[in-house]
Amino acid sequence: MAINLEQFAQEFRPECIQVCKVYDWTTNVVAITRDIPFTFPTGSLAGLTNLTADCSITLLECTEEGRRDIECMVGDETVELQAVTLTKTISVTLEVTGTNEAGAQVTVTSSPVTITITEEVILCAPEGTTVCCTSTSDTFNGCRVISFTPPTADMDTITATIFARVCQNIVVTFEVILEVFAKFCQPRPQIICEDECPVDVFPPQCPTIFPLNHE
């Protein structure tokens, strides 16, 4: 049943809301250099010459493995924080561009390779809170091929040395109930947009020369 907002007085007053409180929020960079064998579809690399390679990455998952209390000096104050162990799962894909036997440029994409990285981050994450991380969507994230070994005949694998960098938002949250000074929102009026038939507009005339004034 829809709520009839007209029954609520529209003035500010104390209200209770359930929200996700942020206990901590920071960013962290994962930067790795790895030698990775990439597998391509059978026969897709055969006959390719003048190869160039590029790579792309995706943060698939970030899970907490555990946490422990730790005392840290923040400014002049000793603060009890938590050292949280996070495991990041990253997917890496290699794209190879080359010239085939017909002289055309073709691009072949490998099967994704999964990389797992474990790190420890200092956070305000008391017992009961949830720690999660997501990849930031900016130009800071990227993947670069440092070097790669061209495949030999009848090979469908390329080993590449890649440098990958992912910046993450790491947020610590907990569901809380708060009393706030607020009022209920109401929906805006509906916008009615009617199409209108265009009106013919005649070109401007030259009355000084036509039609002639015969008076």
N, C-alpha and C. Protein backbone atom coordinates (compact mmCIF):
# COMPACT_ATOMS: atom_id res chain seq x y z
N MET A 1 0.85 -1.19 0.00
CA MET A 1 0.00 0.00 0.00
C MET A 1 0.89 1.24 0.00
N ALA A 2 0.59 2.19 -0.89
CA ALA A 2 1.38 3.42 -0.96
C ALA A 2 1.15 4.28 0.27
N ILE A 3 2.19 4.98 0.68
CA ILE A 3 2.09 5.87 1.83
C ILE A 3 1.43 7.18 1.40
N ASN A 4 0.44 7.60 2.14
CA ASN A 4 -0.20 8.88 1.88
C ASN A 4 0.58 9.96 2.62
N LEU A 5 1.40 10.68 1.87
CA LEU A 5 2.28 11.66 2.52
C LEU A 5 1.51 12.84 3.08
N GLU A 6 0.28 13.05 2.62
CA GLU A 6 -0.47 14.20 3.10
C GLU A 6 -0.84 14.06 4.58
N GLN A 7 -0.77 12.82 5.11
CA GLN A 7 -1.13 12.64 6.52
C GLN A 7 -0.01 13.09 7.45
N PHE A 8 1.17 13.32 6.90
CA PHE A 8 2.29 13.76 7.72
C PHE A 8 2.41 15.28 7.63
N ALA A 9 2.59 15.90 8.78
CA ALA A 9 2.81 17.35 8.79
C ALA A 9 4.17 17.64 8.14
N GLN A 10 4.20 18.61 7.24
CA GLN A 10 5.42 18.87 6.49
C GLN A 10 6.27 19.93 7.17
N GLU A 11 6.69 19.65 8.39
CA GLU A 11 7.65 20.51 9.05
C GLU A 11 8.75 19.61 9.60
N PHE A 12 9.91 20.20 9.86
CA PHE A 12 11.03 19.44 10.39
C PHE A 12 10.70 18.96 11.80
N ARG A 13 11.06 17.70 12.08
CA ARG A 13 10.83 17.13 13.40
C ARG A 13 11.75 15.92 13.55
N PRO A 14 11.93 15.43 14.76
CA PRO A 14 12.80 14.26 14.94
C PRO A 14 12.22 13.02 14.25
N GLU A 15 13.08 12.31 13.52
CA GLU A 15 12.70 11.08 12.86
C GLU A 15 13.79 10.03 13.10
N CYS A 16 13.40 8.76 13.16
CA CYS A 16 14.36 7.66 13.28
C CYS A 16 14.57 7.03 11.91
N ILE A 17 15.83 6.86 11.52
CA ILE A 17 16.14 6.23 10.24
C ILE A 17 17.20 5.15 10.46
N GLN A 18 17.17 4.12 9.63
CA GLN A 18 18.19 3.09 9.66
C GLN A 18 19.09 3.28 8.45
N VAL A 19 20.39 3.49 8.74
CA VAL A 19 21.33 3.81 7.67
C VAL A 19 22.61 3.01 7.87
N CYS A 20 23.45 3.05 6.86
CA CYS A 20 24.74 2.39 6.90
C CYS A 20 25.78 3.42 7.31
N LYS A 21 26.24 3.35 8.56
CA LYS A 21 27.22 4.30 9.07
C LYS A 21 28.62 3.93 8.59
N VAL A 22 29.37 4.90 8.13
CA VAL A 22 30.74 4.69 7.69
C VAL A 22 31.68 4.91 8.87
N TYR A 23 32.39 3.84 9.28
CA TYR A 23 33.35 3.94 10.37
C TYR A 23 34.73 4.38 9.88
N ASP A 24 35.05 4.01 8.65
CA ASP A 24 36.34 4.40 8.08
C ASP A 24 36.24 4.31 6.57
N TRP A 25 37.05 5.11 5.90
CA TRP A 25 37.07 5.13 4.44
C TRP A 25 38.44 5.60 3.98
N THR A 26 39.12 4.78 3.22
CA THR A 26 40.42 5.15 2.71
C THR A 26 40.59 4.56 1.31
N THR A 27 41.69 4.88 0.69
CA THR A 27 42.03 4.30 -0.61
C THR A 27 43.34 3.56 -0.48
N ASN A 28 43.52 2.57 -1.33
CA ASN A 28 44.74 1.79 -1.30
C ASN A 28 45.07 1.32 -2.71
N VAL A 29 46.35 1.26 -3.01
CA VAL A 29 46.79 0.90 -4.35
C VAL A 29 47.41 -0.49 -4.33
N VAL A 30 46.96 -1.35 -5.25
CA VAL A 30 47.59 -2.63 -5.50
C VAL A 30 48.40 -2.49 -6.78
N ALA A 31 49.70 -2.70 -6.69
CA ALA A 31 50.57 -2.63 -7.86
C ALA A 31 51.40 -3.90 -7.91
N ILE A 32 51.35 -4.60 -9.03
CA ILE A 32 52.06 -5.87 -9.16
C ILE A 32 52.77 -5.94 -10.50
N THR A 33 53.85 -6.68 -10.53
CA THR A 33 54.54 -7.04 -11.76
C THR A 33 54.65 -8.56 -11.79
N ARG A 34 54.11 -9.17 -12.83
CA ARG A 34 54.05 -10.64 -12.89
C ARG A 34 54.39 -11.13 -14.29
N ASP A 35 55.02 -12.31 -14.35
CA ASP A 35 55.17 -13.06 -15.60
C ASP A 35 53.99 -14.03 -15.69
N ILE A 36 53.14 -13.85 -16.72
CA ILE A 36 51.91 -14.62 -16.81
C ILE A 36 51.81 -15.30 -18.16
N PRO A 37 51.55 -16.60 -18.19
CA PRO A 37 51.26 -17.27 -19.46
C PRO A 37 49.79 -17.09 -19.83
N PHE A 38 49.53 -16.55 -21.01
CA PHE A 38 48.17 -16.32 -21.49
C PHE A 38 47.85 -17.33 -22.60
N THR A 39 46.67 -17.91 -22.52
CA THR A 39 46.24 -18.89 -23.51
C THR A 39 45.23 -18.27 -24.47
N PHE A 40 45.42 -18.53 -25.77
CA PHE A 40 44.56 -17.98 -26.81
C PHE A 40 43.78 -19.11 -27.48
N PRO A 41 42.69 -18.78 -28.21
CA PRO A 41 41.95 -19.82 -28.94
C PRO A 41 42.86 -20.59 -29.88
N THR A 42 42.59 -21.85 -30.03
CA THR A 42 43.44 -22.73 -30.83
C THR A 42 43.61 -22.19 -32.25
N GLY A 43 44.87 -22.04 -32.65
CA GLY A 43 45.19 -21.61 -34.00
C GLY A 43 45.04 -20.13 -34.27
N SER A 44 44.59 -19.34 -33.28
CA SER A 44 44.33 -17.91 -33.52
C SER A 44 45.61 -17.10 -33.71
N LEU A 45 46.74 -17.61 -33.22
CA LEU A 45 48.00 -16.88 -33.35
C LEU A 45 48.82 -17.33 -34.54
N ALA A 46 48.39 -18.38 -35.21
CA ALA A 46 49.16 -18.95 -36.31
C ALA A 46 49.33 -17.95 -37.45
N GLY A 47 50.57 -17.77 -37.89
CA GLY A 47 50.84 -16.92 -39.04
C GLY A 47 50.88 -15.44 -38.75
N LEU A 48 50.67 -15.01 -37.49
CA LEU A 48 50.68 -13.58 -37.18
C LEU A 48 52.12 -13.09 -37.04
N THR A 49 52.39 -11.91 -37.62
CA THR A 49 53.70 -11.28 -37.50
C THR A 49 53.54 -9.84 -37.01
N ASN A 50 54.67 -9.21 -36.70
CA ASN A 50 54.67 -7.81 -36.21
C ASN A 50 53.73 -7.64 -35.02
N LEU A 51 53.91 -8.49 -34.03
CA LEU A 51 52.98 -8.51 -32.90
C LEU A 51 53.21 -7.36 -31.94
N THR A 52 52.10 -6.79 -31.47
CA THR A 52 52.10 -5.86 -30.34
C THR A 52 51.09 -6.39 -29.32
N ALA A 53 51.28 -6.03 -28.05
CA ALA A 53 50.42 -6.58 -27.00
C ALA A 53 49.99 -5.49 -26.04
N ASP A 54 48.77 -5.64 -25.54
CA ASP A 54 48.22 -4.75 -24.52
C ASP A 54 47.43 -5.61 -23.54
N CYS A 55 47.20 -5.09 -22.34
CA CYS A 55 46.48 -5.87 -21.34
C CYS A 55 45.44 -5.01 -20.64
N SER A 56 44.47 -5.66 -20.02
CA SER A 56 43.43 -4.98 -19.26
C SER A 56 43.17 -5.76 -17.98
N ILE A 57 42.70 -5.05 -16.94
CA ILE A 57 42.48 -5.68 -15.64
C ILE A 57 41.10 -5.32 -15.11
N THR A 58 40.60 -6.22 -14.26
CA THR A 58 39.32 -6.00 -13.59
C THR A 58 39.44 -6.54 -12.17
N LEU A 59 39.02 -5.74 -11.18
CA LEU A 59 38.96 -6.22 -9.80
C LEU A 59 37.68 -7.02 -9.63
N LEU A 60 37.82 -8.34 -9.49
CA LEU A 60 36.65 -9.21 -9.42
C LEU A 60 36.06 -9.30 -8.02
N GLU A 61 36.92 -9.41 -7.02
CA GLU A 61 36.43 -9.68 -5.67
C GLU A 61 37.42 -9.17 -4.64
N CYS A 62 36.90 -8.76 -3.51
CA CYS A 62 37.72 -8.34 -2.38
C CYS A 62 37.08 -8.92 -1.12
N THR A 63 37.78 -9.83 -0.46
CA THR A 63 37.23 -10.49 0.72
C THR A 63 38.14 -10.31 1.91
N GLU A 64 37.53 -10.25 3.09
CA GLU A 64 38.30 -10.13 4.33
C GLU A 64 38.69 -11.51 4.82
N GLU A 65 39.97 -11.66 5.19
CA GLU A 65 40.48 -12.93 5.69
C GLU A 65 40.63 -12.93 7.21
N GLY A 66 40.61 -11.76 7.83
CA GLY A 66 40.76 -11.69 9.28
C GLY A 66 41.22 -10.30 9.70
N ARG A 67 41.13 -10.04 11.01
CA ARG A 67 41.57 -8.76 11.55
C ARG A 67 42.10 -8.94 12.95
N ARG A 68 42.96 -8.04 13.35
CA ARG A 68 43.53 -8.07 14.70
C ARG A 68 43.66 -6.65 15.21
N ASP A 69 43.53 -6.48 16.53
CA ASP A 69 43.66 -5.16 17.13
C ASP A 69 45.13 -4.73 17.13
N ILE A 70 45.33 -3.43 16.95
CA ILE A 70 46.69 -2.89 16.92
C ILE A 70 46.64 -1.46 17.44
N GLU A 71 47.63 -1.07 18.24
CA GLU A 71 47.71 0.29 18.74
C GLU A 71 48.62 1.11 17.84
N CYS A 72 48.12 2.27 17.42
CA CYS A 72 48.88 3.15 16.52
C CYS A 72 48.92 4.56 17.09
N MET A 73 50.00 5.27 16.83
CA MET A 73 50.10 6.68 17.20
C MET A 73 49.54 7.51 16.05
N VAL A 74 48.46 8.22 16.31
CA VAL A 74 47.86 9.13 15.34
C VAL A 74 48.01 10.53 15.89
N GLY A 75 48.92 11.28 15.33
CA GLY A 75 49.26 12.57 15.92
C GLY A 75 49.95 12.34 17.25
N ASP A 76 49.38 12.91 18.32
CA ASP A 76 49.93 12.72 19.67
C ASP A 76 49.11 11.74 20.48
N GLU A 77 48.20 11.02 19.85
CA GLU A 77 47.29 10.16 20.58
C GLU A 77 47.48 8.70 20.18
N THR A 78 47.40 7.81 21.17
CA THR A 78 47.43 6.37 20.90
C THR A 78 46.01 5.88 20.65
N VAL A 79 45.80 5.26 19.49
CA VAL A 79 44.47 4.84 19.08
C VAL A 79 44.49 3.34 18.81
N GLU A 80 43.44 2.64 19.29
CA GLU A 80 43.32 1.22 18.98
C GLU A 80 42.59 1.06 17.66
N LEU A 81 43.28 0.49 16.70
CA LEU A 81 42.72 0.26 15.37
C LEU A 81 42.78 -1.24 15.06
N GLN A 82 42.48 -1.59 13.82
CA GLN A 82 42.49 -2.99 13.41
C GLN A 82 43.35 -3.15 12.15
N ALA A 83 44.19 -4.17 12.17
CA ALA A 83 44.93 -4.57 10.97
C ALA A 83 44.09 -5.63 10.26
N VAL A 84 43.55 -5.27 9.11
CA VAL A 84 42.62 -6.13 8.38
C VAL A 84 43.34 -6.75 7.19
N THR A 85 43.26 -8.07 7.08
CA THR A 85 43.84 -8.78 5.94
C THR A 85 42.79 -8.94 4.85
N LEU A 86 43.11 -8.42 3.68
CA LEU A 86 42.19 -8.47 2.54
C LEU A 86 42.81 -9.26 1.40
N THR A 87 42.00 -10.08 0.76
CA THR A 87 42.43 -10.82 -0.42
C THR A 87 41.71 -10.27 -1.64
N LYS A 88 42.49 -9.81 -2.62
CA LYS A 88 41.93 -9.24 -3.84
C LYS A 88 42.11 -10.24 -4.98
N THR A 89 41.04 -10.43 -5.76
CA THR A 89 41.09 -11.29 -6.94
C THR A 89 40.98 -10.40 -8.17
N ILE A 90 41.99 -10.45 -9.03
CA ILE A 90 42.08 -9.59 -10.20
C ILE A 90 42.10 -10.45 -11.46
N SER A 91 41.36 -10.03 -12.47
CA SER A 91 41.34 -10.72 -13.76
C SER A 91 42.17 -9.92 -14.76
N VAL A 92 43.09 -10.60 -15.45
CA VAL A 92 43.96 -9.95 -16.44
C VAL A 92 43.75 -10.61 -17.79
N THR A 93 43.59 -9.80 -18.83
CA THR A 93 43.40 -10.29 -20.20
C THR A 93 44.46 -9.66 -21.10
N LEU A 94 45.01 -10.45 -22.01
CA LEU A 94 46.02 -9.96 -22.95
C LEU A 94 45.40 -9.88 -24.34
N GLU A 95 45.64 -8.74 -25.02
CA GLU A 95 45.20 -8.56 -26.40
C GLU A 95 46.43 -8.43 -27.29
N VAL A 96 46.48 -9.25 -28.33
CA VAL A 96 47.61 -9.25 -29.26
C VAL A 96 47.12 -8.82 -30.63
N THR A 97 47.82 -7.86 -31.22
CA THR A 97 47.50 -7.39 -32.56
C THR A 97 48.66 -7.71 -33.48
N GLY A 98 48.36 -8.23 -34.66
CA GLY A 98 49.41 -8.57 -35.62
C GLY A 98 48.88 -8.61 -37.04
N THR A 99 49.79 -8.90 -37.95
CA THR A 99 49.44 -8.98 -39.37
C THR A 99 49.33 -10.44 -39.78
N ASN A 100 48.19 -10.81 -40.36
CA ASN A 100 48.03 -12.21 -40.77
C ASN A 100 48.63 -12.43 -42.15
N GLU A 101 48.53 -13.65 -42.66
CA GLU A 101 49.16 -14.01 -43.93
C GLU A 101 48.56 -13.27 -45.11
N ALA A 102 47.34 -12.76 -44.93
CA ALA A 102 46.70 -11.99 -46.01
C ALA A 102 47.05 -10.52 -45.96
N GLY A 103 47.85 -10.12 -44.96
CA GLY A 103 48.27 -8.72 -44.82
C GLY A 103 47.31 -7.86 -44.05
N ALA A 104 46.31 -8.43 -43.41
CA ALA A 104 45.31 -7.67 -42.65
C ALA A 104 45.71 -7.62 -41.17
N GLN A 105 45.32 -6.54 -40.52
CA GLN A 105 45.55 -6.40 -39.09
C GLN A 105 44.43 -7.10 -38.32
N VAL A 106 44.80 -7.97 -37.41
CA VAL A 106 43.81 -8.68 -36.59
C VAL A 106 44.21 -8.58 -35.13
N THR A 107 43.21 -8.61 -34.26
CA THR A 107 43.43 -8.57 -32.81
C THR A 107 42.82 -9.82 -32.19
N VAL A 108 43.61 -10.49 -31.35
CA VAL A 108 43.17 -11.73 -30.71
C VAL A 108 43.23 -11.52 -29.20
N THR A 109 42.19 -11.97 -28.50
CA THR A 109 42.11 -11.79 -27.05
C THR A 109 42.29 -13.13 -26.35
N SER A 110 43.09 -13.13 -25.29
CA SER A 110 43.35 -14.35 -24.54
C SER A 110 42.21 -14.67 -23.59
N SER A 111 42.25 -15.85 -23.04
CA SER A 111 41.35 -16.19 -21.92
C SER A 111 41.82 -15.41 -20.70
N PRO A 112 40.91 -14.96 -19.84
CA PRO A 112 41.32 -14.20 -18.64
C PRO A 112 42.11 -15.08 -17.68
N VAL A 113 43.10 -14.44 -17.06
CA VAL A 113 43.91 -15.10 -16.03
C VAL A 113 43.60 -14.45 -14.69
N THR A 114 43.37 -15.27 -13.68
CA THR A 114 43.02 -14.76 -12.35
C THR A 114 44.26 -14.70 -11.46
N ILE A 115 44.45 -13.54 -10.82
CA ILE A 115 45.56 -13.32 -9.90
C ILE A 115 44.98 -13.01 -8.52
N THR A 116 45.55 -13.60 -7.49
CA THR A 116 45.11 -13.36 -6.11
C THR A 116 46.23 -12.66 -5.35
N ILE A 117 45.88 -11.57 -4.65
CA ILE A 117 46.84 -10.78 -3.89
C ILE A 117 46.30 -10.61 -2.47
N THR A 118 47.15 -10.79 -1.49
CA THR A 118 46.76 -10.61 -0.09
C THR A 118 47.57 -9.46 0.51
N GLU A 119 46.88 -8.57 1.22
CA GLU A 119 47.56 -7.43 1.85
C GLU A 119 46.89 -7.09 3.17
N GLU A 120 47.58 -6.32 3.99
CA GLU A 120 47.07 -5.90 5.28
C GLU A 120 46.91 -4.39 5.30
N VAL A 121 45.73 -3.93 5.75
CA VAL A 121 45.43 -2.51 5.77
C VAL A 121 45.01 -2.11 7.18
N ILE A 122 45.52 -0.98 7.69
CA ILE A 122 45.16 -0.48 9.02
C ILE A 122 43.89 0.35 8.90
N LEU A 123 42.84 -0.06 9.64
CA LEU A 123 41.54 0.59 9.55
C LEU A 123 40.92 0.73 10.94
N CYS A 124 39.92 1.60 11.03
CA CYS A 124 39.03 1.60 12.19
C CYS A 124 37.91 0.62 11.86
N ALA A 125 38.08 -0.62 12.32
CA ALA A 125 37.14 -1.69 11.97
C ALA A 125 36.85 -2.54 13.19
N PRO A 126 36.14 -1.98 14.17
CA PRO A 126 35.83 -2.77 15.38
C PRO A 126 34.96 -3.97 15.05
N GLU A 127 34.88 -4.90 15.99
CA GLU A 127 34.12 -6.12 15.79
C GLU A 127 32.67 -5.80 15.44
N GLY A 128 32.15 -6.51 14.44
CA GLY A 128 30.78 -6.30 14.00
C GLY A 128 30.67 -5.49 12.72
N THR A 129 31.69 -4.70 12.39
CA THR A 129 31.66 -3.90 11.18
C THR A 129 31.99 -4.77 9.96
N THR A 130 31.65 -4.23 8.79
CA THR A 130 31.92 -4.91 7.52
C THR A 130 32.93 -4.11 6.73
N VAL A 131 33.94 -4.81 6.21
CA VAL A 131 34.96 -4.17 5.38
C VAL A 131 34.76 -4.62 3.94
N CYS A 132 34.66 -3.66 3.04
CA CYS A 132 34.52 -3.99 1.63
C CYS A 132 35.37 -3.04 0.81
N CYS A 133 35.74 -3.46 -0.38
CA CYS A 133 36.52 -2.59 -1.25
C CYS A 133 36.07 -2.75 -2.69
N THR A 134 36.13 -1.65 -3.42
CA THR A 134 35.76 -1.63 -4.83
C THR A 134 36.81 -0.85 -5.60
N SER A 135 36.92 -1.14 -6.87
CA SER A 135 37.87 -0.45 -7.72
C SER A 135 37.35 0.95 -8.04
N THR A 136 38.23 1.94 -7.96
CA THR A 136 37.85 3.28 -8.40
C THR A 136 37.86 3.32 -9.92
N SER A 137 36.97 4.08 -10.49
CA SER A 137 36.87 4.15 -11.95
C SER A 137 37.50 5.45 -12.43
N ASP A 138 38.80 5.43 -12.57
CA ASP A 138 39.50 6.60 -13.09
C ASP A 138 40.70 6.14 -13.90
N THR A 139 41.41 7.11 -14.45
CA THR A 139 42.54 6.80 -15.32
C THR A 139 43.75 6.30 -14.55
N PHE A 140 43.69 6.31 -13.20
CA PHE A 140 44.81 5.82 -12.41
C PHE A 140 44.98 4.31 -12.58
N ASN A 141 43.88 3.59 -12.75
CA ASN A 141 43.94 2.14 -12.90
C ASN A 141 44.44 1.80 -14.30
N GLY A 142 45.23 0.75 -14.40
CA GLY A 142 45.70 0.38 -15.72
C GLY A 142 46.57 -0.85 -15.71
N CYS A 143 46.88 -1.29 -16.91
CA CYS A 143 47.72 -2.46 -17.10
C CYS A 143 48.65 -2.18 -18.28
N ARG A 144 49.92 -2.55 -18.11
CA ARG A 144 50.91 -2.29 -19.16
C ARG A 144 51.75 -3.54 -19.38
N VAL A 145 51.97 -3.86 -20.65
CA VAL A 145 52.82 -5.00 -21.00
C VAL A 145 54.26 -4.52 -21.07
N ILE A 146 55.10 -5.05 -20.19
CA ILE A 146 56.52 -4.67 -20.18
C ILE A 146 57.27 -5.41 -21.29
N SER A 147 57.02 -6.70 -21.41
CA SER A 147 57.64 -7.50 -22.47
C SER A 147 56.81 -8.75 -22.67
N PHE A 148 57.00 -9.41 -23.82
CA PHE A 148 56.32 -10.68 -24.06
C PHE A 148 57.15 -11.50 -25.04
N THR A 149 56.93 -12.80 -24.99
CA THR A 149 57.64 -13.73 -25.86
C THR A 149 56.71 -14.15 -27.00
N PRO A 150 57.05 -13.82 -28.24
CA PRO A 150 56.19 -14.23 -29.37
C PRO A 150 56.06 -15.75 -29.42
N PRO A 151 54.89 -16.23 -29.80
CA PRO A 151 54.69 -17.68 -29.83
C PRO A 151 55.47 -18.35 -30.95
N THR A 152 55.91 -19.55 -30.72
CA THR A 152 56.52 -20.34 -31.78
C THR A 152 55.42 -20.99 -32.62
N ALA A 153 55.82 -21.68 -33.67
CA ALA A 153 54.83 -22.29 -34.57
C ALA A 153 53.93 -23.25 -33.81
N ASP A 154 52.64 -23.18 -34.15
CA ASP A 154 51.62 -24.07 -33.58
C ASP A 154 51.47 -23.91 -32.07
N MET A 155 51.84 -22.75 -31.53
CA MET A 155 51.67 -22.48 -30.10
C MET A 155 50.51 -21.52 -29.90
N ASP A 156 49.74 -21.75 -28.86
CA ASP A 156 48.60 -20.89 -28.54
C ASP A 156 48.78 -20.17 -27.21
N THR A 157 50.03 -20.05 -26.77
CA THR A 157 50.32 -19.41 -25.48
C THR A 157 51.39 -18.34 -25.66
N ILE A 158 51.18 -17.22 -25.00
CA ILE A 158 52.17 -16.14 -24.95
C ILE A 158 52.43 -15.82 -23.48
N THR A 159 53.70 -15.80 -23.10
CA THR A 159 54.07 -15.40 -21.74
C THR A 159 54.45 -13.92 -21.78
N ALA A 160 53.78 -13.12 -20.95
CA ALA A 160 54.00 -11.68 -20.93
C ALA A 160 54.33 -11.23 -19.51
N THR A 161 55.21 -10.26 -19.42
CA THR A 161 55.48 -9.59 -18.15
C THR A 161 54.61 -8.35 -18.11
N ILE A 162 53.69 -8.32 -17.15
CA ILE A 162 52.75 -7.20 -17.10
C ILE A 162 52.90 -6.44 -15.78
N PHE A 163 52.61 -5.14 -15.86
CA PHE A 163 52.53 -4.30 -14.66
C PHE A 163 51.09 -3.85 -14.53
N ALA A 164 50.46 -4.18 -13.40
CA ALA A 164 49.05 -3.85 -13.18
C ALA A 164 48.92 -2.99 -11.93
N ARG A 165 48.01 -2.03 -12.00
CA ARG A 165 47.79 -1.12 -10.87
C ARG A 165 46.29 -0.88 -10.71
N VAL A 166 45.79 -1.12 -9.49
CA VAL A 166 44.37 -0.92 -9.20
C VAL A 166 44.25 -0.08 -7.93
N CYS A 167 43.51 1.01 -8.02
CA CYS A 167 43.23 1.83 -6.83
C CYS A 167 41.85 1.45 -6.32
N GLN A 168 41.76 1.20 -5.01
CA GLN A 168 40.49 0.74 -4.43
C GLN A 168 39.99 1.72 -3.37
N ASN A 169 38.67 1.82 -3.30
CA ASN A 169 38.02 2.42 -2.14
C ASN A 169 37.81 1.32 -1.10
N ILE A 170 38.30 1.53 0.11
CA ILE A 170 38.09 0.57 1.19
C ILE A 170 37.21 1.25 2.24
N VAL A 171 36.04 0.67 2.49
CA VAL A 171 35.05 1.29 3.36
C VAL A 171 34.66 0.32 4.47
N VAL A 172 34.58 0.84 5.70
CA VAL A 172 34.15 0.06 6.86
C VAL A 172 32.77 0.58 7.26
N THR A 173 31.76 -0.32 7.34
CA THR A 173 30.39 0.12 7.59
C THR A 173 29.72 -0.74 8.65
N PHE A 174 28.62 -0.20 9.19
CA PHE A 174 27.77 -0.92 10.13
C PHE A 174 26.38 -0.29 10.10
N GLU A 175 25.34 -1.13 10.13
CA GLU A 175 23.96 -0.63 10.11
C GLU A 175 23.61 -0.05 11.48
N VAL A 176 23.16 1.22 11.50
CA VAL A 176 22.79 1.88 12.75
C VAL A 176 21.42 2.53 12.58
N ILE A 177 20.79 2.85 13.72
CA ILE A 177 19.52 3.58 13.74
C ILE A 177 19.79 4.94 14.36
N LEU A 178 19.47 5.99 13.61
CA LEU A 178 19.78 7.35 14.04
C LEU A 178 18.50 8.17 14.18
N GLU A 179 18.54 9.13 15.10
CA GLU A 179 17.50 10.13 15.20
C GLU A 179 18.00 11.39 14.50
N VAL A 180 17.25 11.83 13.51
CA VAL A 180 17.65 13.01 12.75
C VAL A 180 16.51 14.01 12.73
N PHE A 181 16.84 15.26 12.47
CA PHE A 181 15.85 16.32 12.37
C PHE A 181 15.53 16.47 10.89
N ALA A 182 14.34 16.01 10.47
CA ALA A 182 14.05 15.95 9.04
C ALA A 182 12.55 16.05 8.81
N LYS A 183 12.19 16.03 7.53
CA LYS A 183 10.79 15.94 7.14
C LYS A 183 10.69 15.02 5.93
N PHE A 184 9.49 14.48 5.70
CA PHE A 184 9.29 13.56 4.60
C PHE A 184 9.34 14.30 3.27
N CYS A 185 9.93 13.64 2.29
CA CYS A 185 9.93 14.17 0.93
C CYS A 185 8.61 13.82 0.25
N GLN A 186 8.24 14.64 -0.70
CA GLN A 186 7.06 14.35 -1.50
C GLN A 186 7.47 14.26 -2.96
N PRO A 187 6.74 13.47 -3.74
CA PRO A 187 7.07 13.39 -5.16
C PRO A 187 6.80 14.72 -5.86
N ARG A 188 7.60 15.00 -6.88
CA ARG A 188 7.36 16.22 -7.65
C ARG A 188 6.14 16.03 -8.54
N PRO A 189 5.54 17.12 -9.03
CA PRO A 189 4.41 17.00 -9.95
C PRO A 189 4.84 16.31 -11.24
N GLN A 190 3.88 15.62 -11.87
CA GLN A 190 4.16 14.95 -13.13
C GLN A 190 4.40 15.97 -14.23
N ILE A 191 5.38 15.68 -15.07
CA ILE A 191 5.65 16.54 -16.22
C ILE A 191 4.87 16.01 -17.42
N ILE A 192 4.03 16.85 -17.99
CA ILE A 192 3.24 16.47 -19.15
C ILE A 192 3.83 17.17 -20.37
N CYS A 193 4.28 16.38 -21.31
CA CYS A 193 4.92 16.93 -22.51
C CYS A 193 4.11 16.49 -23.71
N GLU A 194 3.47 17.45 -24.36
CA GLU A 194 2.63 17.14 -25.51
C GLU A 194 3.33 17.58 -26.80
N ASP A 195 3.34 16.69 -27.77
CA ASP A 195 3.87 17.06 -29.08
C ASP A 195 2.89 17.98 -29.79
N GLU A 196 3.43 18.99 -30.44
CA GLU A 196 2.60 19.93 -31.19
C GLU A 196 2.98 19.87 -32.66
N CYS A 197 1.95 20.00 -33.52
CA CYS A 197 2.22 20.02 -34.95
C CYS A 197 2.97 21.30 -35.30
N PRO A 198 3.97 21.20 -36.18
CA PRO A 198 4.69 22.41 -36.59
C PRO A 198 3.79 23.33 -37.40
N VAL A 199 4.00 24.62 -37.24
CA VAL A 199 3.24 25.63 -37.99
C VAL A 199 4.09 26.07 -39.17
N ASP A 200 3.46 26.07 -40.38
CA ASP A 200 4.18 26.50 -41.57
C ASP A 200 4.55 27.97 -41.44
N VAL A 201 5.81 28.27 -41.71
CA VAL A 201 6.28 29.65 -41.67
C VAL A 201 6.64 30.06 -43.09
N PHE A 202 5.99 31.11 -43.60
CA PHE A 202 6.26 31.56 -44.95
C PHE A 202 7.52 32.43 -44.97
N PRO A 203 8.24 32.41 -46.08
CA PRO A 203 9.43 33.27 -46.19
C PRO A 203 9.03 34.73 -46.07
N PRO A 204 9.92 35.59 -45.58
CA PRO A 204 9.60 37.02 -45.50
C PRO A 204 9.42 37.62 -46.90
N GLN A 205 8.50 38.57 -47.01
CA GLN A 205 8.23 39.20 -48.31
C GLN A 205 9.00 40.51 -48.44
N CYS A 206 8.92 41.09 -49.65
CA CYS A 206 9.58 42.38 -49.93
C CYS A 206 8.50 43.37 -50.37
N PRO A 207 7.73 43.90 -49.44
CA PRO A 207 6.57 44.73 -49.80
C PRO A 207 6.93 46.02 -50.51
N THR A 208 8.19 46.43 -50.42
CA THR A 208 8.54 47.69 -51.11
C THR A 208 8.61 47.54 -52.61
N ILE A 209 8.78 46.28 -53.05
CA ILE A 209 8.87 46.07 -54.50
C ILE A 209 7.76 45.19 -55.04
N PHE A 210 7.10 44.39 -54.17
CA PHE A 210 6.04 43.51 -54.64
C PHE A 210 5.16 43.14 -53.47
N PRO A 211 3.85 43.14 -53.65
CA PRO A 211 3.16 43.54 -54.88
C PRO A 211 3.12 45.05 -55.05
N LEU A 212 2.95 45.45 -56.30
CA LEU A 212 2.94 46.89 -56.56
C LEU A 212 1.72 47.53 -55.98
N ASN A 213 1.90 48.74 -55.49
CA ASN A 213 0.79 49.51 -54.95
C ASN A 213 0.15 50.28 -56.10
N HIS A 214 -1.08 49.92 -56.47
CA HIS A 214 -1.76 50.58 -57.61
C HIS A 214 -2.67 51.69 -57.18
N GLU A 215 -2.59 52.13 -55.95
CA GLU A 215 -3.49 53.21 -55.52
C GLU A 215 -3.07 54.53 -56.14
